[in-house]
């Protein structure tokens, strides 16, 4: 898109936002030009929780569907409009209610721990939610010894390594972007950039985590790179985060592992779609009230345990 067209779109978006008394929230993985026009940029749970404190009653959510669901569950009185109704996260669906019930029958003293990257239906059948940044603390504070961790197996295994006193049952789910980052490619990247520190999201596989200097959530990776005295970094997460990294660290260099760490669903969100969402206030995120009420409880439980 030509620069003049982008600037015109930005101008129209700002005007529409004022007219509709709306706020634009964007995830770190959407394109940089979308992050640039957002009022707030962050990870999924930060944005959903933040929305509670905002005065605007209309939220334009630039992210995938489970993020919009969480925002709506936590803000039932506000209108949540998705920038793209077809932007979805495959991993959010990679667990089954039937399997959850089966595990509950098989194990005593069990807690179903649900990563926030999941549908509201899965949250509604869980005991507590976690984020990639608070999962270890929340699970440590659970009384239950047996943990069924859904939907992401890689994050579950990372948490399990930190908490050997717990017994984990894993679910066969994964993020295709993080799973596509392979240890042999990372080793080549380390050879090419020997001075670079490796910063990795815990949704990556264990062999990649072993080669990393720091493991953390998207926001923790940004904070680490910003505070570090190092000048070069290899980033093992979705490449949308490079925009915020560069904004905060113009004097530092950031490298991918050697291929496009790319989420096609996040990249469905464009400036044109943000403008259309503001014009029409559609598609609106609707969550079944019963599911919303049930899925809110594990989110509230997470806040309680994370605060201990």
Foldseek 3Di string as FASTA:
>chain_A
DDPVVLVVLLVLLVVLCVVQVEFEEEELQAALSSVVSHPYYYHLVVVLVVLVVDPRQEYEYQAADLSLLSNCLSPVRGWYAYLDPPLHFVQQDQDDLVVLVVVPVVDPLEFEEEESNHHLLVLLSGQAYDYQAQVLQLVVLRPGQEYEYDDQQQSVVVSCVVPVSHHYDYHPGAGPLQQPQDLVLQVVVCVVVVQAAEEEESSHHPSNVVRHPYYTDLVVSLVCLLPDPGQEYEYRAAPSNVSVSCVSRVRHYYHYSPDHSHDVSSHVRDSVSSSVCSVPVDDIDDDDPVSSVSSVNNHVSSVVSSVD
